[in-house]
Amino acid sequence: MIIEGNISVKAAILGGKREIEKLFVDEKKKDKDLSFIIHQAMNRNIPVEKLSRESIDNIAQGRTHGGCIAVCETRREDALEDCLQKKDAFVFLVEGVEDPYNLGYIIRSLYAAGCDGLLLRKRDWKDSESVILKSSAGALDYMHIVMSDDLSESVGICKANGFRCYAAMRKDAISYFDVSYQGKSLIAVGGEMRGLSKGVLAQMDQNIFIPYANDFRNALNAASACTAIGFEIFRQRQTL
């Protein structure tokens, strides 16, 4: 597969979650960021070839590469156990989000908030992976991403490892401001169309909702909900 742009290529190199076959860079482009990428690639014995901008355009799939593209393998999956080690780990489970841009925005926000891992239902994102990587600003290759065959089973493993589990839905819910996230926490967020499955919901300890400043009746989308809750967890943990 081909990934494009300095941010995506840098993340692929530094994240260490995929094999990179080769870099192609604009022979006329000289800037600090690209020099850093080339240096990191050479340190890892990744071949770097300088080409004309026209040649890179012919290889690239889009026109937003900025003179830097990489030919690489798909991202390796992380194991659930990678997310469970910290005594105050927090992970998110996201179900029913189909759009790769929205998934990328979710990953970007959660990584910035310090999330230790994202649980997703197993599916083949290969054709959309470069879009997810770009829309996540590279966070896809930095954060633990667990592709689960059985999300309900994965939640059970988290609970057995001391996680308290919360579902972002309004029925029988309390404000997400009224929850203490100081211990191990799992937050489950469903997409707008399908929401969370019954098997996942059955294992939740408490439903939570995001209070609004007015009487607006419509739900936030998954990316917005993940951002709000993720940064509330971050805020609380900064006050320790």
Protein backbone atom coordinates (compact mmCIF):
# COMPACT_ATOMS: atom_id res chain seq x y z
CA MET A 1 0.00 0.00 0.00
CA ILE A 2 1.01 3.65 -0.40
CA ILE A 3 0.81 6.29 2.32
CA GLU A 4 1.26 9.94 1.56
CA GLY A 5 2.42 13.12 3.29
CA ASN A 6 5.04 13.95 5.88
CA ILE A 7 2.78 13.34 8.89
CA SER A 8 1.63 9.89 7.76
CA VAL A 9 5.06 8.75 6.62
CA LYS A 10 6.72 10.00 9.81
CA ALA A 11 4.16 8.13 11.92
CA ALA A 12 4.71 4.95 9.92
CA ILE A 13 8.45 5.17 10.55
CA LEU A 14 8.34 6.15 14.23
CA GLY A 15 5.33 4.04 15.19
CA GLY A 16 7.04 0.81 14.23
CA LYS A 17 3.76 -0.96 13.50
CA ARG A 18 4.31 -1.72 9.82
CA GLU A 19 7.08 -2.76 7.45
CA ILE A 20 8.18 0.03 5.11
CA GLU A 21 9.63 -1.02 1.78
CA LYS A 22 10.72 2.31 0.37
CA LEU A 23 10.36 6.09 0.54
CA PHE A 24 10.04 8.39 -2.46
CA VAL A 25 10.77 12.08 -1.86
CA ASP A 26 10.76 15.17 -4.01
CA GLU A 27 14.34 15.78 -5.16
CA LYS A 28 13.86 19.56 -5.02
CA LYS A 29 12.11 19.79 -1.67
CA LYS A 30 14.27 20.77 1.29
CA ASP A 31 12.78 21.39 4.71
CA LYS A 32 13.48 20.41 8.30
CA ASP A 33 10.60 17.95 8.58
CA LEU A 34 11.50 16.05 5.42
CA SER A 35 15.17 15.97 6.44
CA PHE A 36 14.12 14.40 9.75
CA ILE A 37 12.05 11.76 7.93
CA ILE A 38 14.93 10.88 5.60
CA HIS A 39 17.33 10.64 8.55
CA GLN A 40 14.98 8.35 10.49
CA ALA A 41 14.47 6.16 7.43
CA MET A 42 18.19 5.79 6.84
CA ASN A 43 18.73 4.87 10.50
CA ARG A 44 16.28 2.02 9.97
CA ASN A 45 17.77 0.93 6.65
CA ILE A 46 14.68 2.00 4.72
CA PRO A 47 15.62 2.85 1.11
CA VAL A 48 15.01 6.47 0.12
CA GLU A 49 14.79 7.47 -3.53
CA LYS A 50 14.67 11.08 -4.71
CA LEU A 51 12.43 11.67 -7.71
CA SER A 52 10.95 14.54 -9.65
CA ARG A 53 7.62 15.88 -8.43
CA GLU A 54 6.01 14.60 -11.63
CA SER A 55 7.29 11.06 -10.97
CA ILE A 56 5.95 11.15 -7.42
CA ASP A 57 2.58 12.38 -8.72
CA ASN A 58 2.46 9.35 -11.00
CA ILE A 59 3.09 6.95 -8.10
CA ALA A 60 0.84 8.64 -5.56
CA GLN A 61 -2.87 7.97 -5.30
CA GLY A 62 -3.73 11.60 -4.51
CA ARG A 63 -2.29 15.08 -4.79
CA THR A 64 -1.80 15.88 -1.10
CA HIS A 65 1.46 14.00 -0.62
CA GLY A 66 3.61 17.13 -0.38
CA GLY A 67 6.51 15.35 -2.06
CA CYS A 68 6.81 12.43 0.35
CA ILE A 69 5.28 8.97 -0.03
CA ALA A 70 6.04 5.51 1.30
CA VAL A 71 5.40 2.02 -0.01
CA CYS A 72 4.62 -0.18 2.98
CA GLU A 73 2.72 -3.13 4.40
CA THR A 74 -0.57 -2.84 6.24
CA ARG A 75 -0.44 -2.04 9.92
CA ARG A 76 0.10 -4.89 12.38
CA GLU A 77 -2.69 -5.44 14.88
CA ASP A 78 -2.09 -4.98 18.59
CA ALA A 79 -3.06 -7.50 21.26
CA LEU A 80 -5.64 -6.65 23.92
CA GLU A 81 -3.03 -7.46 26.58
CA ASP A 82 -1.00 -4.45 25.33
CA CYS A 83 -3.76 -2.16 26.65
CA LEU A 84 -4.22 -3.68 30.10
CA GLN A 85 -0.87 -3.23 31.79
CA LYS A 86 -1.11 0.23 33.35
CA LYS A 87 -2.76 0.43 36.76
CA ASP A 88 -4.89 3.36 35.55
CA ALA A 89 -5.27 2.33 31.90
CA PHE A 90 -8.23 3.66 29.97
CA VAL A 91 -9.44 2.19 26.71
CA PHE A 92 -12.31 2.95 24.37
CA LEU A 93 -14.51 0.51 22.52
CA VAL A 94 -16.07 1.93 19.37
CA GLU A 95 -18.72 -0.02 17.50
CA GLY A 96 -20.67 0.75 14.36
CA VAL A 97 -18.44 3.47 12.89
CA GLU A 98 -18.00 2.68 9.19
CA ASP A 99 -16.57 5.89 7.75
CA PRO A 100 -12.74 5.88 7.66
CA TYR A 101 -12.50 9.64 8.10
CA ASN A 102 -14.62 9.53 11.26
CA LEU A 103 -12.59 6.60 12.58
CA GLY A 104 -9.42 8.58 11.94
CA TYR A 105 -10.80 11.59 13.82
CA ILE A 106 -11.69 9.33 16.76
CA ILE A 107 -8.20 7.84 16.89
CA ARG A 108 -6.62 11.29 16.63
CA SER A 109 -8.62 12.69 19.55
CA LEU A 110 -8.24 9.64 21.78
CA TYR A 111 -4.49 9.46 21.29
CA ALA A 112 -4.18 13.17 22.13
CA ALA A 113 -6.21 12.56 25.30
CA GLY A 114 -3.84 9.78 26.40
CA CYS A 115 -6.04 6.78 25.64
CA ASP A 116 -4.21 3.48 26.04
CA GLY A 117 -6.05 1.56 23.34
CA LEU A 118 -9.03 1.36 21.01
CA LEU A 119 -11.11 -1.80 20.61
CA LEU A 120 -12.84 -2.29 17.25
CA ARG A 121 -14.80 -5.13 15.73
CA LYS A 122 -12.53 -7.06 13.38
CA ARG A 123 -12.91 -6.09 9.74
CA ASP A 124 -10.68 -5.47 6.74
CA TRP A 125 -9.75 -1.77 6.65
CA LYS A 126 -6.95 -2.33 4.13
CA ASP A 127 -8.47 -0.24 1.35
CA SER A 128 -9.13 2.62 3.76
CA GLU A 129 -6.01 2.45 5.89
CA SER A 130 -4.18 5.34 4.24
CA VAL A 131 -7.27 7.54 4.75
CA ILE A 132 -7.50 6.57 8.42
CA LEU A 133 -3.80 7.23 8.92
CA LYS A 134 -4.03 10.68 7.33
CA SER A 135 -7.25 11.73 9.08
CA SER A 136 -5.80 10.56 12.41
CA ALA A 137 -2.74 12.78 11.82
CA GLY A 138 -0.58 9.69 12.20
CA ALA A 139 -2.11 8.56 15.50
CA LEU A 140 -3.21 5.27 13.91
CA ASP A 141 0.42 4.14 14.01
CA TYR A 142 1.07 5.39 17.54
CA MET A 143 -1.89 4.14 19.58
CA HIS A 144 -2.77 0.52 20.36
CA ILE A 145 -5.57 -0.64 18.04
CA VAL A 146 -7.16 -4.00 18.87
CA MET A 147 -9.29 -5.74 16.23
CA SER A 148 -11.58 -8.09 18.13
CA ASP A 149 -13.44 -11.12 16.79
CA ASP A 150 -15.80 -10.85 19.77
CA LEU A 151 -16.17 -7.46 21.44
CA SER A 152 -18.28 -8.88 24.24
CA GLU A 153 -15.52 -11.33 25.09
CA SER A 154 -12.94 -8.53 24.97
CA VAL A 155 -15.01 -6.50 27.44
CA GLY A 156 -15.13 -9.54 29.71
CA ILE A 157 -11.34 -9.78 29.64
CA CYS A 158 -11.08 -6.11 30.55
CA LYS A 159 -13.49 -6.57 33.47
CA ALA A 160 -11.49 -9.55 34.69
CA ASN A 161 -8.46 -7.26 34.70
CA GLY A 162 -10.12 -4.71 36.95
CA PHE A 163 -11.74 -2.35 34.45
CA ARG A 164 -14.96 -0.53 35.24
CA CYS A 165 -17.02 -0.23 32.05
CA TYR A 166 -19.19 2.68 30.91
CA ALA A 167 -21.50 2.99 27.91
CA ALA A 168 -22.13 6.37 26.32
CA MET A 169 -25.93 6.31 26.12
CA ARG A 170 -28.68 8.24 27.91
CA LYS A 171 -30.92 5.47 29.23
CA ASP A 172 -30.48 5.13 33.03
CA ALA A 173 -27.37 7.28 32.71
CA ILE A 174 -25.51 9.69 34.94
CA SER A 175 -23.48 12.67 33.75
CA TYR A 176 -20.01 11.77 32.61
CA PHE A 177 -18.77 14.55 34.89
CA ASP A 178 -20.03 12.56 37.90
CA VAL A 179 -17.85 9.53 37.22
CA SER A 180 -14.39 9.04 38.67
CA TYR A 181 -12.02 7.64 36.06
CA GLN A 182 -9.04 7.24 38.37
CA GLY A 183 -8.86 3.46 38.07
CA LYS A 184 -8.92 1.26 34.99
CA SER A 185 -11.77 2.41 32.75
CA LEU A 186 -13.38 1.25 29.52
CA ILE A 187 -15.72 3.55 27.62
CA ALA A 188 -18.01 2.08 24.94
CA VAL A 189 -19.31 4.41 22.22
CA GLY A 190 -21.63 3.39 19.41
CA GLY A 191 -21.98 4.83 15.92
CA GLU A 192 -25.02 6.87 14.93
CA MET A 193 -26.64 4.13 12.83
CA ARG A 194 -26.12 0.87 14.72
CA GLY A 195 -25.04 1.84 18.20
CA LEU A 196 -23.65 -0.67 20.67
CA SER A 197 -24.50 -4.36 20.42
CA LYS A 198 -26.50 -6.15 23.11
CA GLY A 199 -23.55 -8.32 24.14
CA VAL A 200 -21.43 -5.26 24.86
CA LEU A 201 -24.21 -3.36 26.63
CA ALA A 202 -24.97 -6.31 28.89
CA GLN A 203 -21.53 -6.01 30.48
CA MET A 204 -21.54 -2.29 31.19
CA ASP A 205 -21.41 -1.17 34.81
CA GLN A 206 -22.96 2.25 34.21
CA ASN A 207 -24.37 4.33 31.36
CA ILE A 208 -23.12 7.91 31.05
CA PHE A 209 -24.32 10.92 29.08
CA ILE A 210 -22.81 14.23 28.00
CA PRO A 211 -24.88 17.15 29.36
CA TYR A 212 -25.72 19.96 26.94
CA ALA A 213 -25.88 23.71 27.48
CA ASN A 214 -29.41 23.84 26.03
CA ASP A 215 -32.40 21.63 25.17
CA PHE A 216 -30.84 20.21 21.99
CA ARG A 217 -32.25 16.69 21.59
CA ASN A 218 -29.88 15.10 19.11
CA ALA A 219 -26.89 12.95 20.00
CA LEU A 220 -23.32 13.94 19.28
CA ASN A 221 -21.58 11.85 16.67
CA ALA A 222 -19.14 9.18 17.85
CA ALA A 223 -16.04 11.28 17.17
CA SER A 224 -17.37 14.20 19.23
CA ALA A 225 -18.48 11.94 22.08
CA CYS A 226 -15.11 10.19 22.21
CA THR A 227 -13.33 13.55 22.26
CA ALA A 228 -15.45 14.97 25.08
CA ILE A 229 -15.20 11.89 27.31
CA GLY A 230 -11.54 11.24 26.51
CA PHE A 231 -10.51 14.73 27.54
CA GLU A 232 -12.64 14.60 30.70
CA ILE A 233 -10.65 11.52 31.69
CA PHE A 234 -7.45 13.39 30.90
CA ARG A 235 -8.62 16.42 32.91
CA GLN A 236 -9.47 14.36 35.96
CA ARG A 237 -6.15 12.59 35.94
CA GLN A 238 -4.27 15.88 35.74
CA THR A 239 -5.79 16.94 39.06
CA LEU A 240 -4.28 14.06 41.05
